[in-house]
């Protein structure tokens, strides 16, 4: 056994291809390890098609999405199975159990005004022209999703809240990204105008 070890050692020292063999072996190990890591992350790259998330994600933008690990948060950008041929990129606005109201171009959640710093200036949120619904109540595992370009986004204003299992993946948030927050303005009543009789 000792003789075989010594013979292998001598061949290794004399072989001019030893560095090539070492590089090939190291490369093969690297490729196998790399594929294992990529497979375990299960992320995917998608291309945005359409303007519903402009200006943050304009049409043609390549985005990386990862499986949802941990709880979903207000402001998360997610891929949603909205029943169409391809998944839709939307932002979570309303969380389970909340009541969302659209009033005078603003979003109110449980009667508190939501400020959305990621929207373009002078963006107003109006009811969908087809449904004209302005009030939505989320059930236990439902989320209210919208596009950032509110004028041309078909979202929960049209098809209602989405269930948790319709949310496929999430775009990992960038560091120092401003998220939505509430400002101290409360919806005066139920968001409807009442006319007093004369």
N, C-alpha and C. Protein backbone atom coordinates (compact mmCIF):
# COMPACT_ATOMS: atom_id res chain seq x y z
N UNK A 1 0.82 -1.20 0.00
CA UNK A 1 0.00 0.00 0.00
C UNK A 1 0.86 1.25 0.00
N UNK A 2 1.95 1.18 0.78
CA UNK A 2 2.87 2.30 0.87
C UNK A 2 3.53 2.57 -0.48
N UNK A 3 3.83 1.49 -1.22
CA UNK A 3 4.47 1.62 -2.53
C UNK A 3 3.52 2.30 -3.52
N UNK A 4 2.24 1.95 -3.48
CA UNK A 4 1.27 2.57 -4.40
C UNK A 4 1.16 4.06 -4.11
N UNK A 5 1.12 4.43 -2.83
CA UNK A 5 1.05 5.85 -2.45
C UNK A 5 2.26 6.60 -2.97
N UNK A 6 3.47 6.02 -2.80
CA UNK A 6 4.70 6.67 -3.27
C UNK A 6 4.72 6.79 -4.78
N UNK A 7 4.21 5.78 -5.48
CA UNK A 7 4.17 5.81 -6.93
C UNK A 7 3.24 6.91 -7.43
N UNK A 8 2.07 7.01 -6.78
CA UNK A 8 1.11 8.08 -7.15
C UNK A 8 1.71 9.45 -6.89
N UNK A 9 2.42 9.59 -5.81
CA UNK A 9 3.04 10.87 -5.48
C UNK A 9 4.09 11.25 -6.52
N UNK A 10 4.89 10.28 -6.97
CA UNK A 10 5.92 10.55 -7.98
C UNK A 10 5.28 10.91 -9.31
N UNK A 11 4.23 10.20 -9.69
CA UNK A 11 3.55 10.53 -10.94
C UNK A 11 2.94 11.94 -10.90
N UNK A 12 2.39 12.29 -9.76
CA UNK A 12 1.81 13.63 -9.61
C UNK A 12 2.86 14.72 -9.78
N UNK A 13 4.03 14.53 -9.19
CA UNK A 13 5.10 15.52 -9.30
C UNK A 13 5.63 15.63 -10.72
N UNK A 14 5.70 14.49 -11.44
CA UNK A 14 6.29 14.48 -12.77
C UNK A 14 5.28 14.86 -13.85
N UNK A 15 4.00 14.75 -13.58
CA UNK A 15 2.98 14.99 -14.59
C UNK A 15 2.88 16.48 -14.92
N UNK A 16 3.07 16.86 -16.21
CA UNK A 16 2.95 18.27 -16.59
C UNK A 16 1.49 18.73 -16.60
N UNK A 17 0.56 17.81 -16.58
CA UNK A 17 -0.86 18.18 -16.62
C UNK A 17 -1.50 18.30 -15.25
N UNK A 18 -0.68 18.23 -14.20
CA UNK A 18 -1.28 18.21 -12.86
C UNK A 18 -2.07 19.47 -12.56
N UNK A 19 -1.59 20.65 -13.04
CA UNK A 19 -2.32 21.88 -12.76
C UNK A 19 -3.61 21.93 -13.57
N UNK A 20 -3.55 21.42 -14.78
CA UNK A 20 -4.76 21.37 -15.59
C UNK A 20 -5.81 20.46 -14.95
N UNK A 21 -5.37 19.32 -14.45
CA UNK A 21 -6.29 18.41 -13.77
C UNK A 21 -6.89 19.05 -12.51
N UNK A 22 -6.05 19.75 -11.77
CA UNK A 22 -6.54 20.42 -10.55
C UNK A 22 -7.57 21.49 -10.90
N UNK A 23 -7.31 22.27 -11.96
CA UNK A 23 -8.25 23.32 -12.36
C UNK A 23 -9.57 22.72 -12.82
N UNK A 24 -9.49 21.66 -13.64
CA UNK A 24 -10.72 21.02 -14.11
C UNK A 24 -11.54 20.43 -12.97
N UNK A 25 -10.86 19.78 -12.04
CA UNK A 25 -11.54 19.22 -10.88
C UNK A 25 -12.20 20.32 -10.03
N UNK A 26 -11.46 21.40 -9.80
CA UNK A 26 -12.00 22.53 -9.03
C UNK A 26 -13.19 23.16 -9.73
N UNK A 27 -13.10 23.29 -11.07
CA UNK A 27 -14.21 23.86 -11.84
C UNK A 27 -15.45 22.99 -11.76
N UNK A 28 -15.25 21.67 -11.87
CA UNK A 28 -16.39 20.75 -11.80
C UNK A 28 -17.08 20.85 -10.44
N UNK A 29 -16.28 20.91 -9.38
CA UNK A 29 -16.86 21.05 -8.03
C UNK A 29 -17.61 22.37 -7.90
N UNK A 30 -17.03 23.44 -8.48
CA UNK A 30 -17.68 24.75 -8.42
C UNK A 30 -19.01 24.77 -9.15
N UNK A 31 -19.06 24.15 -10.33
CA UNK A 31 -20.30 24.10 -11.10
C UNK A 31 -21.37 23.32 -10.34
N UNK A 32 -20.99 22.17 -9.79
CA UNK A 32 -21.96 21.35 -9.04
C UNK A 32 -22.48 22.12 -7.84
N UNK A 33 -21.59 22.78 -7.11
CA UNK A 33 -21.99 23.57 -5.94
C UNK A 33 -22.88 24.74 -6.35
N UNK A 34 -22.50 25.42 -7.44
CA UNK A 34 -23.29 26.55 -7.92
C UNK A 34 -24.69 26.16 -8.29
N UNK A 35 -24.85 25.04 -8.99
CA UNK A 35 -26.19 24.59 -9.35
C UNK A 35 -27.00 24.21 -8.12
N UNK A 36 -26.37 23.67 -7.12
CA UNK A 36 -27.07 23.32 -5.89
C UNK A 36 -27.60 24.57 -5.19
N UNK A 37 -26.76 25.61 -5.14
CA UNK A 37 -27.18 26.85 -4.49
C UNK A 37 -28.31 27.50 -5.27
N UNK A 38 -28.19 27.56 -6.60
CA UNK A 38 -29.23 28.19 -7.41
C UNK A 38 -30.54 27.42 -7.27
N UNK A 39 -30.44 26.08 -7.26
CA UNK A 39 -31.66 25.29 -7.15
C UNK A 39 -32.33 25.46 -5.80
N UNK A 40 -31.54 25.64 -4.74
CA UNK A 40 -32.13 25.75 -3.41
C UNK A 40 -32.78 27.11 -3.20
N UNK A 41 -32.28 28.15 -3.89
CA UNK A 41 -32.86 29.48 -3.75
C UNK A 41 -34.19 29.55 -4.51
N UNK A 42 -34.29 28.87 -5.65
CA UNK A 42 -35.51 28.81 -6.46
C UNK A 42 -36.01 30.17 -6.90
N UNK A 43 -35.15 31.12 -7.08
CA UNK A 43 -35.56 32.43 -7.58
C UNK A 43 -35.71 32.38 -9.08
N UNK A 44 -36.30 33.42 -9.64
CA UNK A 44 -36.44 33.49 -11.08
C UNK A 44 -36.33 34.93 -11.53
N UNK A 45 -35.97 35.08 -12.80
CA UNK A 45 -35.88 36.41 -13.40
C UNK A 45 -37.04 36.54 -14.37
N UNK A 46 -37.76 37.65 -14.28
CA UNK A 46 -38.90 37.91 -15.15
C UNK A 46 -38.71 39.26 -15.82
N UNK A 47 -39.41 39.45 -16.92
CA UNK A 47 -39.37 40.72 -17.63
C UNK A 47 -40.74 41.37 -17.52
N UNK A 48 -40.78 42.64 -17.11
CA UNK A 48 -42.03 43.38 -16.95
C UNK A 48 -42.59 43.70 -18.33
N UNK A 49 -43.86 43.40 -18.53
CA UNK A 49 -44.53 43.69 -19.79
C UNK A 49 -45.76 44.54 -19.49
N UNK A 50 -45.68 45.81 -19.79
CA UNK A 50 -46.78 46.73 -19.51
C UNK A 50 -46.35 47.84 -18.58
N UNK A 51 -47.23 48.84 -18.43
CA UNK A 51 -46.87 50.04 -17.66
C UNK A 51 -47.57 50.15 -16.32
N UNK A 52 -48.20 49.08 -15.84
CA UNK A 52 -48.98 49.21 -14.60
C UNK A 52 -48.12 49.46 -13.37
N UNK A 53 -46.80 49.18 -13.43
CA UNK A 53 -45.93 49.44 -12.28
C UNK A 53 -44.93 50.57 -12.56
N UNK A 54 -45.12 51.31 -13.64
CA UNK A 54 -44.24 52.45 -13.94
C UNK A 54 -44.50 53.55 -12.91
N UNK A 55 -43.53 54.39 -12.60
CA UNK A 55 -42.18 54.46 -13.14
C UNK A 55 -41.18 53.56 -12.42
N UNK A 56 -41.57 52.89 -11.35
CA UNK A 56 -40.62 52.07 -10.58
C UNK A 56 -40.16 50.83 -11.35
N UNK A 57 -41.07 50.21 -12.08
CA UNK A 57 -40.75 49.02 -12.88
C UNK A 57 -41.33 49.20 -14.27
N UNK A 58 -40.67 50.01 -15.13
CA UNK A 58 -41.21 50.24 -16.48
C UNK A 58 -41.16 48.98 -17.33
N UNK A 59 -41.93 48.98 -18.40
CA UNK A 59 -41.98 47.84 -19.30
C UNK A 59 -40.58 47.53 -19.83
N UNK A 60 -40.22 46.27 -19.83
CA UNK A 60 -38.90 45.84 -20.28
C UNK A 60 -37.89 45.64 -19.17
N UNK A 61 -38.24 46.03 -17.95
CA UNK A 61 -37.34 45.86 -16.81
C UNK A 61 -37.22 44.39 -16.43
N UNK A 62 -35.99 43.93 -16.20
CA UNK A 62 -35.77 42.58 -15.70
C UNK A 62 -35.81 42.63 -14.18
N UNK A 63 -36.60 41.77 -13.58
CA UNK A 63 -36.71 41.74 -12.12
C UNK A 63 -36.40 40.35 -11.61
N UNK A 64 -35.82 40.30 -10.43
CA UNK A 64 -35.56 39.02 -9.76
C UNK A 64 -36.61 38.85 -8.69
N UNK A 65 -37.25 37.69 -8.68
CA UNK A 65 -38.22 37.40 -7.64
C UNK A 65 -37.79 36.14 -6.89
N UNK A 66 -38.10 36.12 -5.62
CA UNK A 66 -37.71 35.00 -4.76
C UNK A 66 -38.95 34.45 -4.06
N UNK A 67 -38.91 33.20 -3.64
CA UNK A 67 -40.04 32.65 -2.89
C UNK A 67 -40.30 33.47 -1.63
N UNK A 68 -41.55 33.52 -1.24
CA UNK A 68 -41.94 34.29 -0.06
C UNK A 68 -41.51 33.53 1.19
N UNK A 69 -40.52 34.09 1.88
CA UNK A 69 -40.11 33.50 3.16
C UNK A 69 -40.36 34.57 4.21
N UNK A 70 -41.11 34.25 5.18
CA UNK A 70 -41.49 35.24 6.19
C UNK A 70 -42.81 35.89 5.82
N UNK A 71 -43.30 36.74 6.70
CA UNK A 71 -44.61 37.34 6.45
C UNK A 71 -44.57 38.38 5.34
N UNK A 72 -45.68 38.50 4.62
CA UNK A 72 -45.82 39.56 3.62
C UNK A 72 -46.07 40.87 4.34
N UNK A 73 -45.59 41.98 3.73
CA UNK A 73 -45.74 43.30 4.35
C UNK A 73 -46.38 44.27 3.37
N UNK A 74 -47.02 45.28 3.93
CA UNK A 74 -47.57 46.34 3.10
C UNK A 74 -46.42 47.01 2.34
N UNK A 75 -46.59 47.18 1.04
CA UNK A 75 -45.55 47.79 0.22
C UNK A 75 -44.72 46.77 -0.55
N UNK A 76 -44.83 45.48 -0.19
CA UNK A 76 -44.10 44.44 -0.93
C UNK A 76 -44.58 44.40 -2.38
N UNK A 77 -43.63 44.20 -3.30
CA UNK A 77 -43.95 44.02 -4.71
C UNK A 77 -43.94 42.52 -4.97
N UNK A 78 -45.05 42.01 -5.50
CA UNK A 78 -45.22 40.57 -5.64
C UNK A 78 -45.72 40.21 -7.03
N UNK A 79 -45.46 38.95 -7.41
CA UNK A 79 -46.06 38.39 -8.62
C UNK A 79 -47.35 37.71 -8.20
N UNK A 80 -48.44 38.06 -8.89
CA UNK A 80 -49.77 37.58 -8.51
C UNK A 80 -50.37 36.79 -9.67
N UNK A 81 -50.96 35.66 -9.34
CA UNK A 81 -51.75 34.91 -10.31
C UNK A 81 -53.15 35.50 -10.28
N UNK A 82 -53.42 36.39 -11.24
CA UNK A 82 -54.72 37.07 -11.26
C UNK A 82 -55.69 36.43 -12.25
N UNK A 83 -55.38 35.19 -12.65
CA UNK A 83 -56.27 34.48 -13.55
C UNK A 83 -55.99 34.72 -15.02
N UNK A 84 -55.04 35.58 -15.33
CA UNK A 84 -54.68 35.84 -16.73
C UNK A 84 -53.64 34.83 -17.18
N UNK A 85 -53.21 34.95 -18.45
CA UNK A 85 -52.25 34.01 -19.02
C UNK A 85 -50.90 34.10 -18.31
N UNK A 86 -50.47 35.33 -17.99
CA UNK A 86 -49.19 35.53 -17.32
C UNK A 86 -49.42 36.17 -15.97
N UNK A 87 -48.46 36.03 -15.07
CA UNK A 87 -48.58 36.62 -13.74
C UNK A 87 -48.48 38.14 -13.84
N UNK A 88 -49.07 38.81 -12.85
CA UNK A 88 -49.07 40.27 -12.80
C UNK A 88 -48.16 40.75 -11.67
N UNK A 89 -47.42 41.82 -11.92
CA UNK A 89 -46.57 42.44 -10.90
C UNK A 89 -47.38 43.53 -10.22
N UNK A 90 -47.60 43.41 -8.91
CA UNK A 90 -48.41 44.37 -8.17
C UNK A 90 -47.77 44.65 -6.82
N UNK A 91 -48.30 45.66 -6.14
CA UNK A 91 -47.81 46.04 -4.81
C UNK A 91 -48.90 45.77 -3.78
N UNK A 92 -48.52 45.21 -2.64
CA UNK A 92 -49.50 44.95 -1.58
C UNK A 92 -49.83 46.26 -0.87
N UNK A 93 -51.12 46.57 -0.84
CA UNK A 93 -51.61 47.79 -0.20
C UNK A 93 -52.38 47.46 1.07
N UNK A 94 -53.27 46.48 0.97
CA UNK A 94 -54.11 46.12 2.11
C UNK A 94 -53.79 44.74 2.63
N UNK A 95 -53.85 44.58 3.93
CA UNK A 95 -53.50 43.33 4.61
C UNK A 95 -54.77 42.61 5.09
N UNK A 96 -54.63 41.34 5.47
CA UNK A 96 -55.80 40.57 5.92
C UNK A 96 -56.55 41.27 7.07
N UNK A 97 -57.88 41.27 6.95
CA UNK A 97 -58.73 41.84 8.00
C UNK A 97 -58.96 43.33 7.89
N UNK A 98 -58.29 44.02 6.98
CA UNK A 98 -58.41 45.48 6.88
C UNK A 98 -59.55 45.89 5.95
N UNK A 99 -59.99 47.12 6.11
CA UNK A 99 -60.97 47.72 5.21
C UNK A 99 -60.28 48.82 4.43
N UNK A 100 -60.34 48.73 3.12
CA UNK A 100 -59.70 49.71 2.23
C UNK A 100 -60.79 50.58 1.62
N UNK A 101 -60.58 51.89 1.66
CA UNK A 101 -61.51 52.81 1.03
C UNK A 101 -60.74 53.79 0.16
N UNK A 102 -61.30 54.07 -1.01
CA UNK A 102 -60.74 55.06 -1.93
C UNK A 102 -61.65 56.28 -1.85
N UNK A 103 -61.06 57.40 -1.50
CA UNK A 103 -61.86 58.61 -1.30
C UNK A 103 -61.05 59.83 -1.71
N UNK A 104 -61.59 60.59 -2.66
CA UNK A 104 -60.97 61.83 -3.14
C UNK A 104 -59.52 61.63 -3.61
N UNK A 105 -59.27 60.50 -4.24
CA UNK A 105 -57.96 60.24 -4.81
C UNK A 105 -56.94 59.64 -3.86
N UNK A 106 -57.37 59.33 -2.65
CA UNK A 106 -56.44 58.78 -1.65
C UNK A 106 -56.93 57.43 -1.15
N UNK A 107 -55.99 56.67 -0.58
CA UNK A 107 -56.29 55.36 0.00
C UNK A 107 -56.41 55.53 1.51
N UNK A 108 -57.47 54.98 2.07
CA UNK A 108 -57.65 54.94 3.52
C UNK A 108 -57.75 53.49 3.94
N UNK A 109 -57.00 53.13 4.97
CA UNK A 109 -57.04 51.79 5.50
C UNK A 109 -57.52 51.87 6.94
N UNK A 110 -58.63 51.21 7.20
CA UNK A 110 -59.29 51.32 8.52
C UNK A 110 -59.44 52.79 8.90
N UNK A 111 -59.82 53.59 7.90
CA UNK A 111 -60.11 55.03 8.01
C UNK A 111 -58.87 55.89 8.21
N UNK A 112 -57.65 55.34 8.13
CA UNK A 112 -56.43 56.14 8.25
C UNK A 112 -55.81 56.31 6.86
N UNK A 113 -55.36 57.54 6.56
CA UNK A 113 -54.81 57.82 5.23
C UNK A 113 -53.43 57.18 5.06
N UNK A 114 -53.25 56.50 3.94
CA UNK A 114 -51.99 55.85 3.62
C UNK A 114 -51.16 56.74 2.70
N UNK A 115 -49.95 57.00 3.09
CA UNK A 115 -49.00 57.77 2.28
C UNK A 115 -48.09 56.77 1.57
N UNK A 116 -47.92 56.93 0.25
CA UNK A 116 -47.14 56.00 -0.55
C UNK A 116 -45.99 56.74 -1.25
N UNK A 117 -44.83 56.81 -0.64
CA UNK A 117 -43.72 57.60 -1.19
C UNK A 117 -43.13 57.04 -2.48
N UNK A 118 -43.43 55.81 -2.83
CA UNK A 118 -42.89 55.21 -4.05
C UNK A 118 -43.69 55.60 -5.29
N UNK A 119 -44.85 56.25 -5.12
CA UNK A 119 -45.65 56.68 -6.26
C UNK A 119 -45.09 57.97 -6.85
N UNK A 120 -45.32 58.16 -8.15
CA UNK A 120 -44.92 59.42 -8.80
C UNK A 120 -45.73 60.55 -8.20
N UNK A 121 -45.15 61.75 -8.21
CA UNK A 121 -45.86 62.92 -7.66
C UNK A 121 -47.17 63.14 -8.39
N UNK A 122 -48.14 63.63 -7.65
CA UNK A 122 -49.47 63.95 -8.16
C UNK A 122 -50.20 62.70 -8.69
N UNK A 123 -49.93 61.55 -8.06
CA UNK A 123 -50.67 60.34 -8.39
C UNK A 123 -51.90 60.27 -7.50
N UNK A 124 -53.05 60.12 -8.13
CA UNK A 124 -54.30 59.98 -7.40
C UNK A 124 -54.89 58.61 -7.69
N UNK A 125 -55.45 58.01 -6.68
CA UNK A 125 -56.06 56.69 -6.82
C UNK A 125 -57.56 56.86 -6.92
N UNK A 126 -58.10 56.40 -8.04
CA UNK A 126 -59.54 56.49 -8.26
C UNK A 126 -60.11 55.08 -8.35
N UNK A 127 -61.42 54.98 -8.22
CA UNK A 127 -62.08 53.68 -8.35
C UNK A 127 -61.94 53.20 -9.78
N UNK A 128 -62.01 51.90 -9.97
CA UNK A 128 -61.98 51.34 -11.31
C UNK A 128 -63.20 51.82 -12.08
N UNK A 129 -63.00 52.26 -13.32
CA UNK A 129 -64.08 52.81 -14.12
C UNK A 129 -65.20 51.82 -14.41
N UNK A 130 -64.89 50.54 -14.38
CA UNK A 130 -65.90 49.53 -14.70
C UNK A 130 -66.72 49.15 -13.47
N UNK A 131 -66.05 48.91 -12.35
CA UNK A 131 -66.78 48.47 -11.16
C UNK A 131 -67.26 49.63 -10.30
N UNK A 132 -66.49 50.72 -10.28
CA UNK A 132 -66.78 51.92 -9.48
C UNK A 132 -66.86 51.62 -7.98
N UNK A 133 -66.25 50.51 -7.56
CA UNK A 133 -66.23 50.18 -6.13
C UNK A 133 -65.18 51.02 -5.42
N UNK A 134 -65.52 51.50 -4.23
CA UNK A 134 -64.57 52.32 -3.47
C UNK A 134 -64.29 51.75 -2.08
N UNK A 135 -64.97 50.68 -1.71
CA UNK A 135 -64.77 50.11 -0.37
C UNK A 135 -64.59 48.61 -0.48
N UNK A 136 -63.53 48.08 0.17
CA UNK A 136 -63.19 46.67 0.10
C UNK A 136 -62.85 46.18 1.51
N UNK A 137 -63.36 45.01 1.84
CA UNK A 137 -63.08 44.40 3.15
C UNK A 137 -62.27 43.12 2.92
N UNK A 138 -61.09 43.03 3.55
CA UNK A 138 -60.24 41.86 3.39
C UNK A 138 -60.68 40.77 4.37
N UNK A 139 -60.71 39.54 3.88
CA UNK A 139 -61.00 38.39 4.75
C UNK A 139 -59.69 37.92 5.38
N UNK A 140 -59.74 36.78 6.05
CA UNK A 140 -58.60 36.27 6.82
C UNK A 140 -57.27 36.21 6.12
N UNK A 141 -57.19 35.65 4.90
CA UNK A 141 -55.93 35.50 4.18
C UNK A 141 -55.97 36.23 2.85
N UNK A 142 -56.58 37.41 2.82
CA UNK A 142 -56.69 38.18 1.58
C UNK A 142 -55.84 39.44 1.62
N UNK A 143 -55.36 39.84 0.43
CA UNK A 143 -54.52 41.03 0.29
C UNK A 143 -55.09 41.89 -0.83
N UNK A 144 -54.95 43.20 -0.66
CA UNK A 144 -55.39 44.15 -1.68
C UNK A 144 -54.15 44.62 -2.42
N UNK A 145 -54.10 44.39 -3.74
CA UNK A 145 -52.91 44.72 -4.53
C UNK A 145 -53.25 45.75 -5.58
N UNK A 146 -52.27 46.62 -5.87
CA UNK A 146 -52.45 47.65 -6.89
C UNK A 146 -51.15 47.87 -7.64
N UNK A 147 -51.28 48.40 -8.85
CA UNK A 147 -50.11 48.82 -9.60
C UNK A 147 -49.70 50.22 -9.18
N UNK A 148 -48.43 50.58 -9.37
CA UNK A 148 -47.97 51.92 -9.00
C UNK A 148 -48.48 52.99 -9.96
N UNK A 149 -48.73 52.62 -11.21
CA UNK A 149 -49.29 53.56 -12.19
C UNK A 149 -50.80 53.39 -12.16
N UNK A 150 -51.45 54.08 -11.26
CA UNK A 150 -52.84 53.82 -10.92
C UNK A 150 -53.81 54.03 -12.08
N UNK A 151 -53.46 54.92 -13.02
CA UNK A 151 -54.38 55.19 -14.13
C UNK A 151 -54.48 54.03 -15.11
N UNK A 152 -53.45 53.18 -15.19
CA UNK A 152 -53.49 52.11 -16.20
C UNK A 152 -53.21 50.75 -15.60
N UNK A 153 -53.63 50.54 -14.37
CA UNK A 153 -53.41 49.25 -13.72
C UNK A 153 -54.74 48.55 -13.48
N UNK A 154 -54.83 47.32 -13.96
CA UNK A 154 -55.98 46.49 -13.60
C UNK A 154 -55.55 45.68 -12.39
N UNK A 155 -56.20 45.93 -11.26
CA UNK A 155 -55.75 45.35 -10.00
C UNK A 155 -56.93 45.01 -9.12
N UNK A 156 -56.73 45.02 -7.81
CA UNK A 156 -57.81 44.64 -6.89
C UNK A 156 -59.01 45.57 -6.96
N UNK A 157 -58.84 46.75 -7.52
CA UNK A 157 -60.00 47.62 -7.71
C UNK A 157 -60.98 47.00 -8.69
N UNK A 158 -60.45 46.19 -9.63
CA UNK A 158 -61.30 45.53 -10.63
C UNK A 158 -61.70 44.13 -10.18
N UNK A 159 -60.70 43.30 -9.79
CA UNK A 159 -61.01 41.90 -9.50
C UNK A 159 -61.08 41.57 -8.02
N UNK A 160 -60.95 42.57 -7.17
CA UNK A 160 -61.11 42.34 -5.74
C UNK A 160 -59.83 41.84 -5.07
N UNK A 161 -59.90 41.55 -3.77
CA UNK A 161 -58.72 41.06 -3.04
C UNK A 161 -58.23 39.74 -3.60
N UNK A 162 -56.93 39.48 -3.39
CA UNK A 162 -56.35 38.20 -3.82
C UNK A 162 -56.06 37.36 -2.58
N UNK A 163 -56.18 36.06 -2.75
CA UNK A 163 -55.88 35.14 -1.65
C UNK A 163 -54.38 34.94 -1.54
N UNK A 164 -53.92 34.50 -0.40
CA UNK A 164 -52.49 34.29 -0.16
C UNK A 164 -51.89 33.32 -1.17
N UNK A 165 -52.63 32.28 -1.55
CA UNK A 165 -52.06 31.31 -2.48
C UNK A 165 -51.97 31.82 -3.92
N UNK A 166 -52.53 33.00 -4.20
CA UNK A 166 -52.38 33.62 -5.52
C UNK A 166 -51.08 34.42 -5.61
N UNK A 167 -50.45 34.69 -4.48
CA UNK A 167 -49.18 35.41 -4.48
C UNK A 167 -48.06 34.39 -4.65
N UNK A 168 -47.37 34.48 -5.79
CA UNK A 168 -46.42 33.45 -6.19
C UNK A 168 -45.04 33.71 -5.60
N UNK A 169 -44.46 34.86 -5.89
CA UNK A 169 -43.13 35.23 -5.41
C UNK A 169 -43.11 36.70 -5.05
N UNK A 170 -41.98 37.15 -4.49
CA UNK A 170 -41.85 38.54 -4.06
C UNK A 170 -40.54 39.10 -4.59
N UNK A 171 -40.54 40.40 -4.93
CA UNK A 171 -39.31 41.09 -5.32
C UNK A 171 -38.61 41.51 -4.04
N UNK A 172 -37.38 41.04 -3.81
CA UNK A 172 -36.69 41.44 -2.57
C UNK A 172 -36.52 42.96 -2.52
N UNK A 173 -36.90 43.60 -1.42
CA UNK A 173 -36.79 45.07 -1.35
C UNK A 173 -35.34 45.52 -1.30
N UNK A 174 -35.07 46.66 -1.92
CA UNK A 174 -33.74 47.23 -1.88
C UNK A 174 -33.52 47.93 -0.55
N UNK A 175 -32.26 48.05 -0.15
CA UNK A 175 -31.94 48.76 1.10
C UNK A 175 -32.34 50.22 0.96
N UNK A 176 -32.78 50.81 2.03
CA UNK A 176 -33.17 52.23 2.09
C UNK A 176 -34.37 52.55 1.20
N UNK A 177 -35.20 51.57 0.90
CA UNK A 177 -36.41 51.82 0.13
C UNK A 177 -37.49 52.33 1.08
N UNK A 178 -38.13 53.43 0.69
CA UNK A 178 -39.19 53.98 1.52
C UNK A 178 -40.46 53.15 1.36
N UNK A 179 -41.03 52.78 2.45
CA UNK A 179 -42.27 52.01 2.43
C UNK A 179 -43.47 52.90 2.75
N UNK A 180 -44.66 52.37 2.61
CA UNK A 180 -45.85 53.15 2.92
C UNK A 180 -45.99 53.38 4.42
N UNK A 181 -46.65 54.47 4.77
CA UNK A 181 -46.88 54.78 6.19
C UNK A 181 -48.18 55.56 6.32
N UNK A 182 -48.69 55.62 7.53
CA UNK A 182 -49.94 56.33 7.77
C UNK A 182 -49.65 57.75 8.22
N UNK A 183 -50.50 58.68 7.78
CA UNK A 183 -50.38 60.07 8.24
C UNK A 183 -51.60 60.40 9.10
N UNK A 184 -51.47 61.37 9.97
CA UNK A 184 -52.56 61.64 10.93
C UNK A 184 -53.75 62.36 10.29
N UNK A 185 -54.40 61.67 9.38
CA UNK A 185 -55.65 62.19 8.81
C UNK A 185 -56.62 61.01 8.76
N UNK A 186 -57.76 61.18 9.37
CA UNK A 186 -58.74 60.11 9.45
C UNK A 186 -59.92 60.43 8.54
N UNK A 187 -60.41 59.41 7.89
CA UNK A 187 -61.58 59.55 7.02
C UNK A 187 -62.73 60.13 7.85
N UNK A 188 -63.31 61.24 7.40
CA UNK A 188 -64.32 61.92 8.22
C UNK A 188 -65.52 61.05 8.60
N UNK A 189 -66.03 60.25 7.63
CA UNK A 189 -67.17 59.39 7.98
C UNK A 189 -66.93 58.05 7.30
N UNK A 190 -67.87 57.60 6.52
CA UNK A 190 -67.66 56.35 5.81
C UNK A 190 -67.14 56.59 4.39
N UNK A 191 -66.75 57.84 4.11
CA UNK A 191 -66.22 58.16 2.78
C UNK A 191 -67.28 58.52 1.76
N UNK A 192 -68.50 58.76 2.23
CA UNK A 192 -69.56 59.16 1.32
C UNK A 192 -70.08 60.53 1.74
N UNK A 193 -70.56 61.26 0.78
CA UNK A 193 -71.11 62.60 1.07
C UNK A 193 -72.59 62.46 1.40
N UNK A 194 -72.98 63.16 2.41
CA UNK A 194 -74.43 63.20 2.73
C UNK A 194 -74.92 64.62 2.54
N UNK A 195 -76.10 64.73 1.99
CA UNK A 195 -76.68 66.06 1.75
C UNK A 195 -77.79 66.26 2.77
N UNK A 196 -77.67 67.34 3.52
CA UNK A 196 -78.68 67.63 4.53
C UNK A 196 -79.93 68.23 3.86
N UNK A 197 -81.11 67.78 4.28
CA UNK A 197 -82.33 68.38 3.69
C UNK A 197 -82.50 69.82 4.16
N UNK A 198 -83.11 70.63 3.31
CA UNK A 198 -83.34 72.04 3.65
C UNK A 198 -84.48 72.19 4.63
